[in-house]
C-alpha cells in the first residue's frame, strides 16, 4: 500500500457554499481517496441548539461505514473551526476558536462518500459550513 500512496497526488476537495451545514463529496469512478485531513468552519446561526460536527465515510447507498464526531458541541451564534487529522489530540474544548480531533486512516473507493456535517442539523438551512479536505487521489 505504501507504493500506491506515493503515486497519488494531493488535492483539496471542498466548498464554501453558504446556508448549508452538511457537505458530501463522492469519489469519482476510477479513483481512490486517502483522506489526510479535514478542516471545516461552522458559523452557527442564532437558532438555539448545540451543533455537533462529524466526519463520516458512506458507501454508495449512504450506509455509514465510519463516523468521527468532534469532541465538543458548538453553541448557537458561535463560529468554530474543526481540524480532523491523524495524530491530533482529541480536544473537548476549542482553543482560539479551533477544535482538534484525531482522524483514523480513511480510504475511500470509487462511489464512496466523505460527509462533513452538523450531525444534529439544528439550523441546516441557515448555518454556514465551509470544508477543505486534503485527500491523496490515486487511480484505481
N, C-alpha and C. Protein backbone atom coordinates (compact mmCIF):
# COMPACT_ATOMS: atom_id res chain seq x y z
N UNK A 1 0.83 -1.19 0.00
CA UNK A 1 0.00 0.00 0.00
C UNK A 1 0.87 1.26 0.00
N UNK A 2 2.05 1.20 0.55
CA UNK A 2 2.93 2.37 0.60
C UNK A 2 3.21 2.89 -0.80
N UNK A 3 3.48 1.98 -1.76
CA UNK A 3 3.73 2.39 -3.13
C UNK A 3 2.55 3.13 -3.73
N UNK A 4 1.35 2.64 -3.49
CA UNK A 4 0.15 3.29 -4.02
C UNK A 4 0.04 4.71 -3.50
N UNK A 5 0.29 4.88 -2.21
CA UNK A 5 0.19 6.23 -1.63
C UNK A 5 1.21 7.19 -2.27
N UNK A 6 2.37 6.68 -2.61
CA UNK A 6 3.40 7.54 -3.19
C UNK A 6 3.02 8.00 -4.59
N UNK A 7 2.24 7.21 -5.31
CA UNK A 7 1.91 7.53 -6.69
C UNK A 7 0.76 8.51 -6.82
N UNK A 8 0.01 8.75 -5.77
CA UNK A 8 -1.15 9.65 -5.84
C UNK A 8 -0.74 11.10 -5.84
N UNK A 9 -1.74 11.95 -5.97
CA UNK A 9 -1.49 13.39 -5.92
C UNK A 9 -2.40 14.00 -4.85
N UNK A 10 -1.86 14.95 -4.12
CA UNK A 10 -2.64 15.63 -3.09
C UNK A 10 -3.52 16.68 -3.73
N UNK A 11 -4.77 16.70 -3.32
CA UNK A 11 -5.70 17.71 -3.80
C UNK A 11 -6.62 18.12 -2.67
N UNK A 12 -7.17 19.30 -2.81
CA UNK A 12 -8.16 19.80 -1.86
C UNK A 12 -9.54 19.64 -2.48
N UNK A 13 -10.45 19.02 -1.73
CA UNK A 13 -11.85 18.97 -2.14
C UNK A 13 -12.64 19.72 -1.09
N UNK A 14 -13.68 20.40 -1.52
CA UNK A 14 -14.50 21.14 -0.57
C UNK A 14 -15.23 22.26 -1.25
N UNK A 15 -15.93 23.05 -0.44
CA UNK A 15 -16.61 24.23 -0.96
C UNK A 15 -16.99 25.15 0.19
N UNK A 16 -17.42 26.32 -0.20
CA UNK A 16 -17.79 27.35 0.79
C UNK A 16 -19.20 27.86 0.55
N UNK A 17 -20.06 27.03 -0.01
CA UNK A 17 -21.44 27.43 -0.26
C UNK A 17 -22.14 27.75 1.06
N UNK A 18 -22.80 28.91 1.12
CA UNK A 18 -23.48 29.33 2.35
C UNK A 18 -24.80 28.60 2.53
N UNK A 19 -25.36 28.77 3.74
CA UNK A 19 -26.68 28.24 4.09
C UNK A 19 -26.79 26.72 3.93
N UNK A 20 -25.79 26.03 4.50
CA UNK A 20 -25.78 24.58 4.44
C UNK A 20 -24.83 24.07 5.52
N UNK A 21 -25.27 23.10 6.33
CA UNK A 21 -24.40 22.55 7.36
C UNK A 21 -24.11 21.07 7.12
N UNK A 22 -24.20 20.66 5.85
CA UNK A 22 -24.00 19.25 5.51
C UNK A 22 -23.39 19.18 4.11
N UNK A 23 -22.15 18.70 4.02
CA UNK A 23 -21.44 18.62 2.73
C UNK A 23 -21.04 17.17 2.48
N UNK A 24 -21.26 16.70 1.26
CA UNK A 24 -20.89 15.34 0.89
C UNK A 24 -20.11 15.37 -0.42
N UNK A 25 -19.01 14.62 -0.46
CA UNK A 25 -18.14 14.55 -1.64
C UNK A 25 -18.03 13.10 -2.07
N UNK A 26 -18.31 12.81 -3.32
CA UNK A 26 -18.31 11.44 -3.84
C UNK A 26 -17.02 11.18 -4.62
N UNK A 27 -16.40 10.03 -4.35
CA UNK A 27 -15.18 9.64 -5.06
C UNK A 27 -15.57 9.22 -6.48
N UNK A 28 -14.97 9.85 -7.49
CA UNK A 28 -15.32 9.52 -8.88
C UNK A 28 -14.87 8.10 -9.27
N UNK A 29 -15.49 7.57 -10.31
CA UNK A 29 -15.11 6.27 -10.85
C UNK A 29 -13.62 6.30 -11.22
N UNK A 30 -12.94 5.21 -10.92
CA UNK A 30 -11.53 5.10 -11.30
C UNK A 30 -10.56 5.73 -10.31
N UNK A 31 -11.07 6.20 -9.15
CA UNK A 31 -10.19 6.82 -8.16
C UNK A 31 -10.38 6.18 -6.78
N UNK A 32 -9.35 6.34 -5.96
CA UNK A 32 -9.40 6.07 -4.53
C UNK A 32 -8.90 7.32 -3.83
N UNK A 33 -9.48 7.63 -2.67
CA UNK A 33 -9.03 8.77 -1.89
C UNK A 33 -8.50 8.29 -0.55
N UNK A 34 -7.31 8.78 -0.21
CA UNK A 34 -6.75 8.61 1.12
C UNK A 34 -6.95 9.95 1.81
N UNK A 35 -7.78 10.01 2.83
CA UNK A 35 -8.08 11.28 3.49
C UNK A 35 -6.94 11.63 4.44
N UNK A 36 -6.29 12.76 4.19
CA UNK A 36 -5.18 13.22 5.02
C UNK A 36 -5.70 14.07 6.17
N UNK A 37 -6.60 15.01 5.85
CA UNK A 37 -7.16 15.88 6.89
C UNK A 37 -8.44 16.52 6.38
N UNK A 38 -9.22 16.99 7.34
CA UNK A 38 -10.44 17.74 7.03
C UNK A 38 -10.43 18.98 7.91
N UNK A 39 -10.55 20.15 7.28
CA UNK A 39 -10.65 21.41 8.01
C UNK A 39 -12.00 22.01 7.67
N UNK A 40 -12.82 22.24 8.68
CA UNK A 40 -14.17 22.75 8.46
C UNK A 40 -14.44 23.90 9.43
N UNK A 41 -15.16 24.90 8.96
CA UNK A 41 -15.58 26.00 9.81
C UNK A 41 -17.09 26.11 9.75
N UNK A 42 -17.71 26.11 10.93
CA UNK A 42 -19.16 26.25 11.02
C UNK A 42 -19.49 27.57 11.69
N UNK A 43 -20.23 28.40 10.97
CA UNK A 43 -20.76 29.65 11.51
C UNK A 43 -22.22 29.36 11.84
N UNK A 44 -22.51 29.26 13.15
CA UNK A 44 -23.86 28.89 13.59
C UNK A 44 -24.76 30.11 13.67
N UNK A 45 -25.99 29.91 13.27
CA UNK A 45 -27.00 30.97 13.37
C UNK A 45 -27.38 31.16 14.84
N UNK A 46 -28.29 32.08 15.09
CA UNK A 46 -28.75 32.33 16.46
C UNK A 46 -29.79 31.31 16.94
N UNK A 47 -30.20 30.41 16.06
CA UNK A 47 -31.17 29.39 16.46
C UNK A 47 -30.60 28.54 17.59
N UNK A 48 -31.35 28.46 18.68
CA UNK A 48 -30.89 27.75 19.88
C UNK A 48 -30.71 26.27 19.60
N UNK A 49 -29.61 25.73 20.10
CA UNK A 49 -29.32 24.31 19.98
C UNK A 49 -27.84 24.08 19.77
N UNK A 50 -27.34 22.99 20.33
CA UNK A 50 -25.93 22.64 20.19
C UNK A 50 -25.69 21.87 18.90
N UNK A 51 -24.67 22.30 18.17
CA UNK A 51 -24.27 21.62 16.96
C UNK A 51 -23.16 20.62 17.31
N UNK A 52 -23.11 19.49 16.61
CA UNK A 52 -22.03 18.51 16.78
C UNK A 52 -21.49 18.15 15.40
N UNK A 53 -20.27 18.60 15.13
CA UNK A 53 -19.65 18.31 13.84
C UNK A 53 -19.18 16.87 13.79
N UNK A 54 -19.28 16.30 12.58
CA UNK A 54 -18.95 14.90 12.38
C UNK A 54 -18.36 14.71 10.99
N UNK A 55 -17.42 13.80 10.88
CA UNK A 55 -16.88 13.36 9.59
C UNK A 55 -17.28 11.90 9.43
N UNK A 56 -17.87 11.56 8.28
CA UNK A 56 -18.32 10.20 8.05
C UNK A 56 -17.84 9.68 6.69
N UNK A 57 -17.71 8.36 6.61
CA UNK A 57 -17.49 7.67 5.36
C UNK A 57 -18.77 6.89 5.08
N UNK A 58 -19.31 7.08 3.87
CA UNK A 58 -20.55 6.41 3.46
C UNK A 58 -20.26 5.55 2.23
N UNK A 59 -20.99 4.45 2.11
CA UNK A 59 -20.89 3.68 0.88
C UNK A 59 -21.81 4.30 -0.16
N UNK A 60 -21.88 3.67 -1.33
CA UNK A 60 -22.68 4.23 -2.43
C UNK A 60 -24.16 4.30 -2.11
N UNK A 61 -24.62 3.51 -1.14
CA UNK A 61 -26.03 3.52 -0.73
C UNK A 61 -26.28 4.37 0.50
N UNK A 62 -25.31 5.18 0.89
CA UNK A 62 -25.37 6.08 2.05
C UNK A 62 -25.39 5.36 3.40
N UNK A 63 -24.92 4.11 3.43
CA UNK A 63 -24.73 3.43 4.71
C UNK A 63 -23.46 3.96 5.35
N UNK A 64 -23.49 4.23 6.65
CA UNK A 64 -22.34 4.76 7.37
C UNK A 64 -21.34 3.64 7.62
N UNK A 65 -20.10 3.84 7.17
CA UNK A 65 -19.03 2.87 7.37
C UNK A 65 -18.07 3.32 8.46
N UNK A 66 -17.96 4.62 8.66
CA UNK A 66 -17.11 5.18 9.72
C UNK A 66 -17.68 6.52 10.12
N UNK A 67 -17.56 6.84 11.40
CA UNK A 67 -18.11 8.09 11.91
C UNK A 67 -17.17 8.64 12.97
N UNK A 68 -16.73 9.89 12.79
CA UNK A 68 -15.80 10.52 13.72
C UNK A 68 -16.41 11.85 14.19
N UNK A 69 -16.94 11.90 15.41
CA UNK A 69 -17.52 13.14 15.92
C UNK A 69 -16.45 14.03 16.56
N UNK A 70 -16.66 15.33 16.48
CA UNK A 70 -15.80 16.27 17.21
C UNK A 70 -16.00 16.05 18.71
N UNK A 71 -15.03 16.45 19.51
CA UNK A 71 -15.04 16.19 20.94
C UNK A 71 -15.86 17.15 21.77
N UNK A 72 -16.51 18.11 21.14
CA UNK A 72 -17.33 19.08 21.87
C UNK A 72 -18.44 19.59 20.96
N UNK A 73 -19.48 20.10 21.57
CA UNK A 73 -20.57 20.69 20.81
C UNK A 73 -20.30 22.18 20.60
N UNK A 74 -21.04 22.77 19.68
CA UNK A 74 -20.92 24.19 19.36
C UNK A 74 -22.26 24.86 19.62
N UNK A 75 -22.22 25.96 20.35
CA UNK A 75 -23.44 26.68 20.70
C UNK A 75 -23.92 27.58 19.57
N UNK A 76 -25.15 28.03 19.68
CA UNK A 76 -25.73 28.98 18.73
C UNK A 76 -24.89 30.25 18.69
N UNK A 77 -24.87 30.91 17.55
CA UNK A 77 -24.19 32.19 17.32
C UNK A 77 -22.67 32.12 17.46
N UNK A 78 -22.11 30.92 17.50
CA UNK A 78 -20.66 30.77 17.62
C UNK A 78 -20.06 30.36 16.28
N UNK A 79 -18.79 30.68 16.12
CA UNK A 79 -18.03 30.22 14.96
C UNK A 79 -16.87 29.39 15.47
N UNK A 80 -16.78 28.15 14.99
CA UNK A 80 -15.71 27.25 15.41
C UNK A 80 -15.13 26.59 14.17
N UNK A 81 -13.80 26.48 14.13
CA UNK A 81 -13.12 25.72 13.08
C UNK A 81 -12.72 24.38 13.65
N UNK A 82 -12.79 23.35 12.81
CA UNK A 82 -12.53 21.98 13.23
C UNK A 82 -11.40 21.41 12.39
N UNK A 83 -10.39 20.88 13.07
CA UNK A 83 -9.28 20.18 12.43
C UNK A 83 -9.45 18.70 12.72
N UNK A 84 -9.68 17.90 11.69
CA UNK A 84 -9.71 16.44 11.82
C UNK A 84 -8.48 15.94 11.09
N UNK A 85 -7.55 15.31 11.82
CA UNK A 85 -6.33 14.79 11.18
C UNK A 85 -5.68 13.74 12.08
N UNK A 86 -4.94 12.86 11.46
CA UNK A 86 -4.23 11.81 12.18
C UNK A 86 -3.22 12.44 13.15
N UNK A 87 -3.15 11.88 14.34
CA UNK A 87 -2.16 12.32 15.32
C UNK A 87 -2.56 13.48 16.19
N UNK A 88 -3.71 14.07 15.94
CA UNK A 88 -4.15 15.18 16.78
C UNK A 88 -4.73 14.65 18.09
N UNK A 89 -4.58 15.43 19.13
CA UNK A 89 -5.24 15.10 20.39
C UNK A 89 -6.73 15.39 20.25
N UNK A 90 -7.55 14.57 20.89
CA UNK A 90 -8.99 14.82 20.88
C UNK A 90 -9.31 15.89 21.92
N UNK A 91 -9.58 17.10 21.45
CA UNK A 91 -9.87 18.21 22.35
C UNK A 91 -11.35 18.21 22.73
N UNK A 92 -11.63 18.63 23.95
CA UNK A 92 -13.00 18.72 24.42
C UNK A 92 -13.47 20.16 24.53
N UNK A 93 -12.61 21.09 24.16
CA UNK A 93 -13.00 22.50 24.04
C UNK A 93 -12.09 23.15 23.01
N UNK A 94 -12.59 24.18 22.37
CA UNK A 94 -11.80 24.84 21.33
C UNK A 94 -10.75 25.74 21.96
N UNK A 95 -9.66 25.89 21.24
CA UNK A 95 -8.58 26.79 21.63
C UNK A 95 -8.48 27.84 20.54
N UNK A 96 -8.71 29.09 20.90
CA UNK A 96 -8.70 30.19 19.95
C UNK A 96 -9.65 29.91 18.78
N UNK A 97 -10.78 29.28 19.08
CA UNK A 97 -11.80 29.04 18.07
C UNK A 97 -11.57 27.83 17.19
N UNK A 98 -10.58 26.97 17.56
CA UNK A 98 -10.28 25.78 16.77
C UNK A 98 -10.35 24.55 17.67
N UNK A 99 -10.98 23.49 17.17
CA UNK A 99 -11.12 22.24 17.91
C UNK A 99 -10.47 21.12 17.11
N UNK A 100 -9.54 20.40 17.73
CA UNK A 100 -8.84 19.31 17.06
C UNK A 100 -9.44 17.96 17.41
N UNK A 101 -9.49 17.07 16.42
CA UNK A 101 -9.99 15.71 16.61
C UNK A 101 -9.15 14.75 15.79
N UNK A 102 -8.74 13.65 16.41
CA UNK A 102 -7.96 12.64 15.72
C UNK A 102 -8.81 11.95 14.65
N UNK A 103 -8.21 11.73 13.50
CA UNK A 103 -8.91 11.10 12.38
C UNK A 103 -8.17 9.81 12.04
N UNK A 104 -8.86 8.67 12.05
CA UNK A 104 -8.19 7.42 11.67
C UNK A 104 -7.88 7.41 10.18
N UNK A 105 -7.10 6.45 9.74
CA UNK A 105 -6.82 6.30 8.31
C UNK A 105 -8.12 5.98 7.59
N UNK A 106 -8.45 6.79 6.61
CA UNK A 106 -9.67 6.59 5.84
C UNK A 106 -9.31 6.44 4.36
N UNK A 107 -9.71 5.33 3.77
CA UNK A 107 -9.50 5.08 2.36
C UNK A 107 -10.87 4.87 1.73
N UNK A 108 -11.18 5.67 0.73
CA UNK A 108 -12.48 5.61 0.08
C UNK A 108 -12.31 5.17 -1.37
N UNK A 109 -13.07 4.15 -1.76
CA UNK A 109 -13.07 3.68 -3.13
C UNK A 109 -14.08 4.43 -3.97
N UNK A 110 -14.04 4.18 -5.26
CA UNK A 110 -14.98 4.83 -6.19
C UNK A 110 -16.41 4.62 -5.74
N UNK A 111 -17.19 5.69 -5.77
CA UNK A 111 -18.60 5.65 -5.38
C UNK A 111 -18.84 5.90 -3.90
N UNK A 112 -17.79 5.76 -3.08
CA UNK A 112 -17.94 6.04 -1.66
C UNK A 112 -17.96 7.55 -1.45
N UNK A 113 -18.40 7.98 -0.25
CA UNK A 113 -18.58 9.40 0.01
C UNK A 113 -17.92 9.83 1.31
N UNK A 114 -17.42 11.05 1.31
CA UNK A 114 -16.92 11.70 2.50
C UNK A 114 -17.94 12.77 2.88
N UNK A 115 -18.49 12.65 4.08
CA UNK A 115 -19.51 13.59 4.54
C UNK A 115 -18.98 14.37 5.74
N UNK A 116 -19.17 15.67 5.72
CA UNK A 116 -18.83 16.55 6.84
C UNK A 116 -20.09 17.32 7.16
N UNK A 117 -20.56 17.23 8.42
CA UNK A 117 -21.87 17.80 8.72
C UNK A 117 -22.05 18.08 10.20
N UNK A 118 -23.06 18.92 10.46
CA UNK A 118 -23.59 19.06 11.82
C UNK A 118 -24.56 17.90 11.98
N UNK A 119 -24.19 16.93 12.81
CA UNK A 119 -24.99 15.72 12.98
C UNK A 119 -26.37 16.01 13.55
N UNK A 120 -26.52 17.13 14.25
CA UNK A 120 -27.80 17.47 14.85
C UNK A 120 -28.69 18.29 13.93
N UNK A 121 -28.12 18.87 12.88
CA UNK A 121 -28.87 19.66 11.89
C UNK A 121 -29.81 20.67 12.56
N UNK A 122 -29.28 21.42 13.51
CA UNK A 122 -30.10 22.38 14.27
C UNK A 122 -30.73 23.42 13.35
N UNK A 123 -29.92 24.02 12.49
CA UNK A 123 -30.43 25.05 11.57
C UNK A 123 -29.72 24.89 10.23
N UNK A 124 -29.95 23.73 9.62
CA UNK A 124 -29.22 23.34 8.41
C UNK A 124 -29.31 24.35 7.28
N UNK A 125 -30.42 25.05 7.16
CA UNK A 125 -30.60 25.99 6.06
C UNK A 125 -29.98 27.36 6.32
N UNK A 126 -29.60 27.64 7.57
CA UNK A 126 -29.06 28.96 7.89
C UNK A 126 -27.61 28.92 8.38
N UNK A 127 -27.19 27.80 8.98
CA UNK A 127 -25.79 27.68 9.39
C UNK A 127 -24.92 27.63 8.14
N UNK A 128 -23.70 28.16 8.24
CA UNK A 128 -22.78 28.19 7.10
C UNK A 128 -21.56 27.33 7.39
N UNK A 129 -21.38 26.28 6.60
CA UNK A 129 -20.26 25.35 6.75
C UNK A 129 -19.35 25.44 5.54
N UNK A 130 -18.07 25.67 5.79
CA UNK A 130 -17.07 25.60 4.73
C UNK A 130 -16.17 24.42 5.04
N UNK A 131 -15.77 23.70 4.01
CA UNK A 131 -14.97 22.49 4.18
C UNK A 131 -13.80 22.50 3.21
N UNK A 132 -12.64 22.09 3.72
CA UNK A 132 -11.46 21.86 2.90
C UNK A 132 -10.86 20.53 3.36
N UNK A 133 -11.01 19.50 2.53
CA UNK A 133 -10.44 18.20 2.85
C UNK A 133 -9.22 17.98 1.97
N UNK A 134 -8.13 17.59 2.58
CA UNK A 134 -6.91 17.28 1.85
C UNK A 134 -6.91 15.76 1.62
N UNK A 135 -6.96 15.36 0.36
CA UNK A 135 -7.01 13.94 0.02
C UNK A 135 -5.91 13.60 -0.96
N UNK A 136 -5.39 12.39 -0.84
CA UNK A 136 -4.47 11.89 -1.86
C UNK A 136 -5.30 11.07 -2.81
N UNK A 137 -5.35 11.52 -4.08
CA UNK A 137 -6.15 10.84 -5.10
C UNK A 137 -5.25 9.87 -5.86
N UNK A 138 -5.73 8.62 -5.95
CA UNK A 138 -4.98 7.57 -6.61
C UNK A 138 -5.89 6.93 -7.66
N UNK A 139 -5.36 6.68 -8.83
CA UNK A 139 -6.13 5.98 -9.86
C UNK A 139 -6.24 4.51 -9.44
N UNK A 140 -7.47 3.99 -9.48
CA UNK A 140 -7.65 2.59 -9.07
C UNK A 140 -7.61 1.66 -10.27
